[in-house]
Every structure is written in C-alpha cells, then in structure tokens.
Amino acid sequence: MVQAYILIQTEVGRSASVARAVAALPGVTRADDVTGPYDVIVRAEATDVDQLGRMVVAEVQRIDGITRTLTCPVVNLG
C-alpha cells in the first residue's frame, strides 16, 4: 500500500468545493482546507505508485477549480 499527501492549489474561492469533490474520490482518506501556499491537503492511498499516479492525473487533476497539484509519497524510514 502506498500513501501520499496531495497538496492542491485552487482558483480563488474554490477550496471548499474542491475539498468536497476530492474527498468523494476512491482512495482519498482525508481532504482538508488549509491556509498558506496550498489551499487543500489530501491524504490518499493506493495499491502501488502507478495506481496513485493514475488517481492524481485521471481523477484529482480533472476536478474543476484545481490549478496545480504536488504529490508527496509517504516514506517509512524506521
């Protein structure tokens, strides 16, 4: 199982609707509106890196109002 944080920038005023839409996607375990350089932070999981990439490109990035994403896979160092 691969887990990742997806950092999302949205159009002005769209963070709440983007967070709701992303939260409804399969594989998303949490989606929160935040302040700072990103507007929404998502925790997601997939069976492997390829499936995670497909989810981000084919599903997350297609949501109306998203301008940019940054995917940060979780690593277990200990």
PDB file of N, CA and C in Angstrom:
ATOM      1  N   MET A   1       0.840  -1.180   0.000  1.00  0.00           N
ATOM      2  CA  MET A   1       0.000   0.000   0.000  1.00  0.00           C
ATOM      3  C   MET A   1       0.884   1.242   0.000  1.00  0.00           C
ATOM      4  N   VAL A   2       0.596   2.170  -0.884  1.00  0.00           N
ATOM      5  CA  VAL A   2       1.300   3.434  -0.987  1.00  0.00           C
ATOM      6  C   VAL A   2       0.383   4.536  -0.475  1.00  0.00           C
ATOM      7  N   GLN A   3       0.922   5.400   0.372  1.00  0.00           N
ATOM      8  CA  GLN A   3       0.166   6.545   0.871  1.00  0.00           C
ATOM      9  C   GLN A   3       0.876   7.809   0.436  1.00  0.00           C
ATOM     10  N   ALA A   4       0.103   8.886   0.262  1.00  0.00           N
ATOM     11  CA  ALA A   4       0.693  10.146  -0.163  1.00  0.00           C
ATOM     12  C   ALA A   4      -0.149  11.311   0.320  1.00  0.00           C
ATOM     13  N   TYR A   5       0.497  12.452   0.424  1.00  0.00           N
ATOM     14  CA  TYR A   5      -0.200  13.722   0.614  1.00  0.00           C
ATOM     15  C   TYR A   5      -0.225  14.405  -0.743  1.00  0.00           C
ATOM     16  N   ILE A   6      -1.369  14.930  -1.111  1.00  0.00           N
ATOM     17  CA  ILE A   6      -1.502  15.683  -2.352  1.00  0.00           C
ATOM     18  C   ILE A   6      -1.808  17.121  -1.954  1.00  0.00           C
ATOM     19  N   LEU A   7      -0.902  18.024  -2.301  1.00  0.00           N
ATOM     20  CA  LEU A   7      -1.061  19.437  -1.987  1.00  0.00           C
ATOM     21  C   LEU A   7      -1.687  20.100  -3.211  1.00  0.00           C
ATOM     22  N   ILE A   8      -2.777  20.830  -2.990  1.00  0.00           N
ATOM     23  CA  ILE A   8      -3.567  21.362  -4.102  1.00  0.00           C
ATOM     24  C   ILE A   8      -3.693  22.880  -4.001  1.00  0.00           C
ATOM     25  N   GLN A   9      -3.436  23.551  -5.108  1.00  0.00           N
ATOM     26  CA  GLN A   9      -3.740  24.969  -5.238  1.00  0.00           C
ATOM     27  C   GLN A   9      -5.021  25.083  -6.063  1.00  0.00           C
ATOM     28  N   THR A  10      -5.897  26.002  -5.660  1.00  0.00           N
ATOM     29  CA  THR A  10      -7.179  26.160  -6.345  1.00  0.00           C
ATOM     30  C   THR A  10      -7.351  27.595  -6.835  1.00  0.00           C
ATOM     31  N   GLU A  11      -8.354  27.784  -7.671  1.00  0.00           N
ATOM     32  CA  GLU A  11      -8.773  29.132  -8.032  1.00  0.00           C
ATOM     33  C   GLU A  11      -9.316  29.803  -6.775  1.00  0.00           C
ATOM     34  N   VAL A  12      -9.254  31.117  -6.740  1.00  0.00           N
ATOM     35  CA  VAL A  12      -9.729  31.883  -5.582  1.00  0.00           C
ATOM     36  C   VAL A  12     -11.189  31.532  -5.294  1.00  0.00           C
ATOM     37  N   GLY A  13     -11.456  31.232  -4.027  1.00  0.00           N
ATOM     38  CA  GLY A  13     -12.816  30.932  -3.587  1.00  0.00           C
ATOM     39  C   GLY A  13     -13.304  29.533  -3.885  1.00  0.00           C
ATOM     40  N   ARG A  14     -12.446  28.653  -4.377  1.00  0.00           N
ATOM     41  CA  ARG A  14     -12.877  27.306  -4.770  1.00  0.00           C
ATOM     42  C   ARG A  14     -12.396  26.199  -3.826  1.00  0.00           C
ATOM     43  N   SER A  15     -11.674  26.542  -2.767  1.00  0.00           N
ATOM     44  CA  SER A  15     -11.062  25.495  -1.939  1.00  0.00           C
ATOM     45  C   SER A  15     -12.095  24.581  -1.291  1.00  0.00           C
ATOM     46  N   ALA A  16     -13.194  25.112  -0.794  1.00  0.00           N
ATOM     47  CA  ALA A  16     -14.196  24.262  -0.123  1.00  0.00           C
ATOM     48  C   ALA A  16     -14.830  23.287  -1.107  1.00  0.00           C
ATOM     49  N   SER A  17     -15.184  23.746  -2.291  1.00  0.00           N
ATOM     50  CA  SER A  17     -15.814  22.844  -3.265  1.00  0.00           C
ATOM     51  C   SER A  17     -14.818  21.813  -3.782  1.00  0.00           C
ATOM     52  N   VAL A  18     -13.563  22.205  -3.951  1.00  0.00           N
ATOM     53  CA  VAL A  18     -12.529  21.258  -4.379  1.00  0.00           C
ATOM     54  C   VAL A  18     -12.317  20.198  -3.303  1.00  0.00           C
ATOM     55  N   ALA A  19     -12.224  20.609  -2.042  1.00  0.00           N
ATOM     56  CA  ALA A  19     -12.025  19.652  -0.950  1.00  0.00           C
ATOM     57  C   ALA A  19     -13.166  18.642  -0.892  1.00  0.00           C
ATOM     58  N   ARG A  20     -14.400  19.108  -1.066  1.00  0.00           N
ATOM     59  CA  ARG A  20     -15.548  18.179  -1.054  1.00  0.00           C
ATOM     60  C   ARG A  20     -15.475  17.197  -2.214  1.00  0.00           C
ATOM     61  N   ALA A  21     -15.137  17.691  -3.400  1.00  0.00           N
ATOM     62  CA  ALA A  21     -15.064  16.821  -4.571  1.00  0.00           C
ATOM     63  C   ALA A  21     -13.944  15.798  -4.437  1.00  0.00           C
ATOM     64  N   VAL A  22     -12.787  16.223  -3.950  1.00  0.00           N
ATOM     65  CA  VAL A  22     -11.660  15.304  -3.784  1.00  0.00           C
ATOM     66  C   VAL A  22     -11.973  14.264  -2.705  1.00  0.00           C
ATOM     67  N   ALA A  23     -12.617  14.687  -1.631  1.00  0.00           N
ATOM     68  CA  ALA A  23     -12.932  13.765  -0.534  1.00  0.00           C
ATOM     69  C   ALA A  23     -13.825  12.614  -0.985  1.00  0.00           C
ATOM     70  N   ALA A  24     -14.594  12.829  -2.033  1.00  0.00           N
ATOM     71  CA  ALA A  24     -15.511  11.791  -2.524  1.00  0.00           C
ATOM     72  C   ALA A  24     -14.821  10.764  -3.423  1.00  0.00           C
ATOM     73  N   LEU A  25     -13.575  10.980  -3.791  1.00  0.00           N
ATOM     74  CA  LEU A  25     -12.877  10.057  -4.685  1.00  0.00           C
ATOM     75  C   LEU A  25     -12.436   8.790  -3.958  1.00  0.00           C
ATOM     76  N   PRO A  26     -12.501   7.641  -4.628  1.00  0.00           N
ATOM     77  CA  PRO A  26     -11.977   6.412  -4.037  1.00  0.00           C
ATOM     78  C   PRO A  26     -10.476   6.545  -3.784  1.00  0.00           C
ATOM     79  N   GLY A  27     -10.034   6.082  -2.634  1.00  0.00           N
ATOM     80  CA  GLY A  27      -8.625   6.148  -2.277  1.00  0.00           C
ATOM     81  C   GLY A  27      -8.259   7.357  -1.437  1.00  0.00           C
ATOM     82  N   VAL A  28      -9.142   8.351  -1.376  1.00  0.00           N
ATOM     83  CA  VAL A  28      -8.879   9.534  -0.558  1.00  0.00           C
ATOM     84  C   VAL A  28      -9.368   9.249   0.849  1.00  0.00           C
ATOM     85  N   THR A  29      -8.478   9.383   1.825  1.00  0.00           N
ATOM     86  CA  THR A  29      -8.848   9.114   3.215  1.00  0.00           C
ATOM     87  C   THR A  29      -9.151  10.387   3.997  1.00  0.00           C
ATOM     88  N   ARG A  30      -8.675  11.534   3.476  1.00  0.00           N
ATOM     89  CA  ARG A  30      -8.933  12.814   4.151  1.00  0.00           C
ATOM     90  C   ARG A  30      -8.645  13.952   3.181  1.00  0.00           C
ATOM     91  N   ALA A  31      -9.446  15.006   3.264  1.00  0.00           N
ATOM     92  CA  ALA A  31      -9.214  16.222   2.468  1.00  0.00           C
ATOM     93  C   ALA A  31      -9.568  17.412   3.342  1.00  0.00           C
ATOM     94  N   ASP A  32      -8.598  18.308   3.541  1.00  0.00           N
ATOM     95  CA  ASP A  32      -8.790  19.460   4.419  1.00  0.00           C
ATOM     96  C   ASP A  32      -8.458  20.758   3.708  1.00  0.00           C
ATOM     97  N   ASP A  33      -9.293  21.785   3.932  1.00  0.00           N
ATOM     98  CA  ASP A  33      -8.968  23.148   3.513  1.00  0.00           C
ATOM     99  C   ASP A  33      -7.880  23.652   4.463  1.00  0.00           C
ATOM    100  N   VAL A  34      -6.887  24.327   3.920  1.00  0.00           N
ATOM    101  CA  VAL A  34      -5.818  24.883   4.741  1.00  0.00           C
ATOM    102  C   VAL A  34      -5.493  26.292   4.248  1.00  0.00           C
ATOM    103  N   THR A  35      -4.693  27.014   5.030  1.00  0.00           N
ATOM    104  CA  THR A  35      -4.205  28.309   4.583  1.00  0.00           C
ATOM    105  C   THR A  35      -2.723  28.192   4.290  1.00  0.00           C
ATOM    106  N   GLY A  36      -2.214  29.110   3.513  1.00  0.00           N
ATOM    107  CA  GLY A  36      -0.807  29.079   3.151  1.00  0.00           C
ATOM    108  C   GLY A  36      -0.656  28.952   1.654  1.00  0.00           C
ATOM    109  N   PRO A  37       0.476  28.432   1.191  1.00  0.00           N
ATOM    110  CA  PRO A  37       0.707  28.358  -0.255  1.00  0.00           C
ATOM    111  C   PRO A  37      -0.196  27.346  -0.964  1.00  0.00           C
ATOM    112  N   TYR A  38      -0.772  26.407  -0.221  1.00  0.00           N
ATOM    113  CA  TYR A  38      -1.715  25.445  -0.789  1.00  0.00           C
ATOM    114  C   TYR A  38      -3.074  25.658  -0.143  1.00  0.00           C
ATOM    115  N   ASP A  39      -4.123  25.282  -0.849  1.00  0.00           N
ATOM    116  CA  ASP A  39      -5.489  25.529  -0.392  1.00  0.00           C
ATOM    117  C   ASP A  39      -6.170  24.285   0.169  1.00  0.00           C
ATOM    118  N   VAL A  40      -5.757  23.126  -0.306  1.00  0.00           N
ATOM    119  CA  VAL A  40      -6.331  21.854   0.145  1.00  0.00           C
ATOM    120  C   VAL A  40      -5.183  20.864   0.284  1.00  0.00           C
ATOM    121  N   ILE A  41      -5.195  20.094   1.375  1.00  0.00           N
ATOM    122  CA  ILE A  41      -4.243  18.994   1.544  1.00  0.00           C
ATOM    123  C   ILE A  41      -5.038  17.709   1.660  1.00  0.00           C
ATOM    124  N   VAL A  42      -4.635  16.724   0.869  1.00  0.00           N
ATOM    125  CA  VAL A  42      -5.356  15.455   0.768  1.00  0.00           C
ATOM    126  C   VAL A  42      -4.436  14.328   1.212  1.00  0.00           C
ATOM    127  N   ARG A  43      -4.985  13.381   1.947  1.00  0.00           N
ATOM    128  CA  ARG A  43      -4.266  12.132   2.259  1.00  0.00           C
ATOM    129  C   ARG A  43      -4.923  11.058   1.412  1.00  0.00           C
ATOM    130  N   ALA A  44      -4.119  10.326   0.655  1.00  0.00           N
ATOM    131  CA  ALA A  44      -4.654   9.304  -0.242  1.00  0.00           C
ATOM    132  C   ALA A  44      -3.836   8.030  -0.131  1.00  0.00           C
ATOM    133  N   GLU A  45      -4.448   6.926  -0.566  1.00  0.00           N
ATOM    134  CA  GLU A  45      -3.737   5.659  -0.587  1.00  0.00           C
ATOM    135  C   GLU A  45      -4.103   4.895  -1.848  1.00  0.00           C
ATOM    136  N   ALA A  46      -3.160   4.068  -2.294  1.00  0.00           N
ATOM    137  CA  ALA A  46      -3.341   3.257  -3.489  1.00  0.00           C
ATOM    138  C   ALA A  46      -2.535   1.984  -3.327  1.00  0.00           C
ATOM    139  N   THR A  47      -2.797   1.015  -4.181  1.00  0.00           N
ATOM    140  CA  THR A  47      -2.084  -0.259  -4.064  1.00  0.00           C
ATOM    141  C   THR A  47      -0.620  -0.136  -4.466  1.00  0.00           C
ATOM    142  N   ASP A  48      -0.310   0.759  -5.411  1.00  0.00           N
ATOM    143  CA  ASP A  48       1.076   0.960  -5.835  1.00  0.00           C
ATOM    144  C   ASP A  48       1.240   2.371  -6.393  1.00  0.00           C
ATOM    145  N   VAL A  49       2.472   2.730  -6.715  1.00  0.00           N
ATOM    146  CA  VAL A  49       2.769   4.080  -7.196  1.00  0.00           C
ATOM    147  C   VAL A  49       2.065   4.366  -8.516  1.00  0.00           C
ATOM    148  N   ASP A  50       1.963   3.376  -9.385  1.00  0.00           N
ATOM    149  CA  ASP A  50       1.288   3.585 -10.666  1.00  0.00           C
ATOM    150  C   ASP A  50      -0.186   3.926 -10.468  1.00  0.00           C
ATOM    151  N   GLN A  51      -0.859   3.204  -9.570  1.00  0.00           N
ATOM    152  CA  GLN A  51      -2.258   3.493  -9.313  1.00  0.00           C
ATOM    153  C   GLN A  51      -2.409   4.881  -8.691  1.00  0.00           C
ATOM    154  N   LEU A  52      -1.497   5.243  -7.813  1.00  0.00           N
ATOM    155  CA  LEU A  52      -1.531   6.577  -7.221  1.00  0.00           C
ATOM    156  C   LEU A  52      -1.394   7.642  -8.308  1.00  0.00           C
ATOM    157  N   GLY A  53      -0.456   7.465  -9.201  1.00  0.00           N
ATOM    158  CA  GLY A  53      -0.270   8.413 -10.304  1.00  0.00           C
ATOM    159  C   GLY A  53      -1.494   8.525 -11.181  1.00  0.00           C
ATOM    160  N   ARG A  54      -2.123   7.390 -11.492  1.00  0.00           N
ATOM    161  CA  ARG A  54      -3.343   7.418 -12.305  1.00  0.00           C
ATOM    162  C   ARG A  54      -4.458   8.158 -11.589  1.00  0.00           C
ATOM    163  N   MET A  55      -4.575   7.951 -10.261  1.00  0.00           N
ATOM    164  CA  MET A  55      -5.612   8.639  -9.497  1.00  0.00           C
ATOM    165  C   MET A  55      -5.398  10.152  -9.560  1.00  0.00           C
ATOM    166  N   VAL A  56      -4.155  10.596  -9.382  1.00  0.00           N
ATOM    167  CA  VAL A  56      -3.876  12.036  -9.374  1.00  0.00           C
ATOM    168  C   VAL A  56      -4.155  12.634 -10.747  1.00  0.00           C
ATOM    169  N   VAL A  57      -3.640  12.006 -11.798  1.00  0.00           N
ATOM    170  CA  VAL A  57      -3.768  12.579 -13.140  1.00  0.00           C
ATOM    171  C   VAL A  57      -5.182  12.426 -13.703  1.00  0.00           C
ATOM    172  N   ALA A  58      -5.788  11.258 -13.541  1.00  0.00           N
ATOM    173  CA  ALA A  58      -7.078  10.991 -14.174  1.00  0.00           C
ATOM    174  C   ALA A  58      -8.273  11.459 -13.355  1.00  0.00           C
ATOM    175  N   GLU A  59      -8.109  11.607 -12.058  1.00  0.00           N
ATOM    176  CA  GLU A  59      -9.255  11.965 -11.233  1.00  0.00           C
ATOM    177  C   GLU A  59      -9.070  13.299 -10.513  1.00  0.00           C
ATOM    178  N   VAL A  60      -8.019  13.425  -9.726  1.00  0.00           N
ATOM    179  CA  VAL A  60      -7.842  14.636  -8.919  1.00  0.00           C
ATOM    180  C   VAL A  60      -7.662  15.858  -9.815  1.00  0.00           C
ATOM    181  N   GLN A  61      -6.741  15.800 -10.766  1.00  0.00           N
ATOM    182  CA  GLN A  61      -6.438  16.975 -11.580  1.00  0.00           C
ATOM    183  C   GLN A  61      -7.573  17.380 -12.511  1.00  0.00           C
ATOM    184  N   ARG A  62      -8.555  16.536 -12.688  1.00  0.00           N
ATOM    185  CA  ARG A  62      -9.698  16.860 -13.538  1.00  0.00           C
ATOM    186  C   ARG A  62     -10.798  17.619 -12.804  1.00  0.00           C
ATOM    187  N   ILE A  63     -10.663  17.769 -11.504  1.00  0.00           N
ATOM    188  CA  ILE A  63     -11.687  18.470 -10.729  1.00  0.00           C
ATOM    189  C   ILE A  63     -11.625  19.961 -11.053  1.00  0.00           C
ATOM    190  N   ASP A  64     -12.781  20.509 -11.361  1.00  0.00           N
ATOM    191  CA  ASP A  64     -12.878  21.922 -11.718  1.00  0.00           C
ATOM    192  C   ASP A  64     -12.442  22.802 -10.555  1.00  0.00           C
ATOM    193  N   GLY A  65     -11.596  23.769 -10.839  1.00  0.00           N
ATOM    194  CA  GLY A  65     -11.125  24.701  -9.816  1.00  0.00           C
ATOM    195  C   GLY A  65      -9.709  24.447  -9.351  1.00  0.00           C
ATOM    196  N   ILE A  66      -9.122  23.295  -9.706  1.00  0.00           N
ATOM    197  CA  ILE A  66      -7.745  22.999  -9.322  1.00  0.00           C
ATOM    198  C   ILE A  66      -6.803  23.622 -10.348  1.00  0.00           C
ATOM    199  N   THR A  67      -5.795  24.331  -9.852  1.00  0.00           N
ATOM    200  CA  THR A  67      -4.814  24.935 -10.753  1.00  0.00           C
ATOM    201  C   THR A  67      -3.472  24.215 -10.731  1.00  0.00           C
ATOM    202  N   ARG A  68      -3.143  23.542  -9.616  1.00  0.00           N
ATOM    203  CA  ARG A  68      -1.850  22.861  -9.506  1.00  0.00           C
ATOM    204  C   ARG A  68      -1.905  21.828  -8.395  1.00  0.00           C
ATOM    205  N   THR A  69      -1.180  20.725  -8.575  1.00  0.00           N
ATOM    206  CA  THR A  69      -1.048  19.722  -7.517  1.00  0.00           C
ATOM    207  C   THR A  69       0.418  19.369  -7.313  1.00  0.00           C
ATOM    208  N   LEU A  70       0.719  18.915  -6.115  1.00  0.00           N
ATOM    209  CA  LEU A  70       2.046  18.394  -5.786  1.00  0.00           C
ATOM    210  C   LEU A  70       1.825  17.139  -4.958  1.00  0.00           C
ATOM    211  N   THR A  71       2.295  16.000  -5.451  1.00  0.00           N
ATOM    212  CA  THR A  71       2.097  14.728  -4.768  1.00  0.00           C
ATOM    213  C   THR A  71       3.343  14.360  -3.980  1.00  0.00           C
ATOM    214  N   CYS A  72       3.161  14.065  -2.699  1.00  0.00           N
ATOM    215  CA  CYS A  72       4.268  13.747  -1.785  1.00  0.00           C
ATOM    216  C   CYS A  72       4.049  12.352  -1.206  1.00  0.00           C
ATOM    217  N   PRO A  73       4.675  11.311  -1.777  1.00  0.00           N
ATOM    218  CA  PRO A  73       4.518   9.971  -1.224  1.00  0.00           C
ATOM    219  C   PRO A  73       5.095   9.884   0.195  1.00  0.00           C
ATOM    220  N   VAL A  74       4.438   9.107   1.018  1.00  0.00           N
ATOM    221  CA  VAL A  74       4.882   8.883   2.401  1.00  0.00           C
ATOM    222  C   VAL A  74       5.967   7.806   2.363  1.00  0.00           C
ATOM    223  N   VAL A  75       7.066   8.035   3.074  1.00  0.00           N
ATOM    224  CA  VAL A  75       8.119   7.028   3.199  1.00  0.00           C
ATOM    225  C   VAL A  75       8.209   6.597   4.661  1.00  0.00           C
ATOM    226  N   ASN A  76       8.491   5.343   4.869  1.00  0.00           N
ATOM    227  CA  ASN A  76       8.653   4.796   6.210  1.00  0.00           C
ATOM    228  C   ASN A  76      10.131   4.520   6.421  1.00  0.00           C
ATOM    229  N   LEU A  77      10.759   5.322   7.267  1.00  0.00           N
ATOM    230  CA  LEU A  77      12.214   5.245   7.438  1.00  0.00           C
ATOM    231  C   LEU A  77      12.651   4.415   8.647  1.00  0.00           C
ATOM    232  N   GLY A  78      11.709   3.880   9.363  1.00  0.00           N
ATOM    233  CA  GLY A  78      12.157   3.150  10.535  1.00  0.00           C
ATOM    234  C   GLY A  78      11.369   1.987  10.751  1.00  0.00           C
TER     235      GLY A  78
END
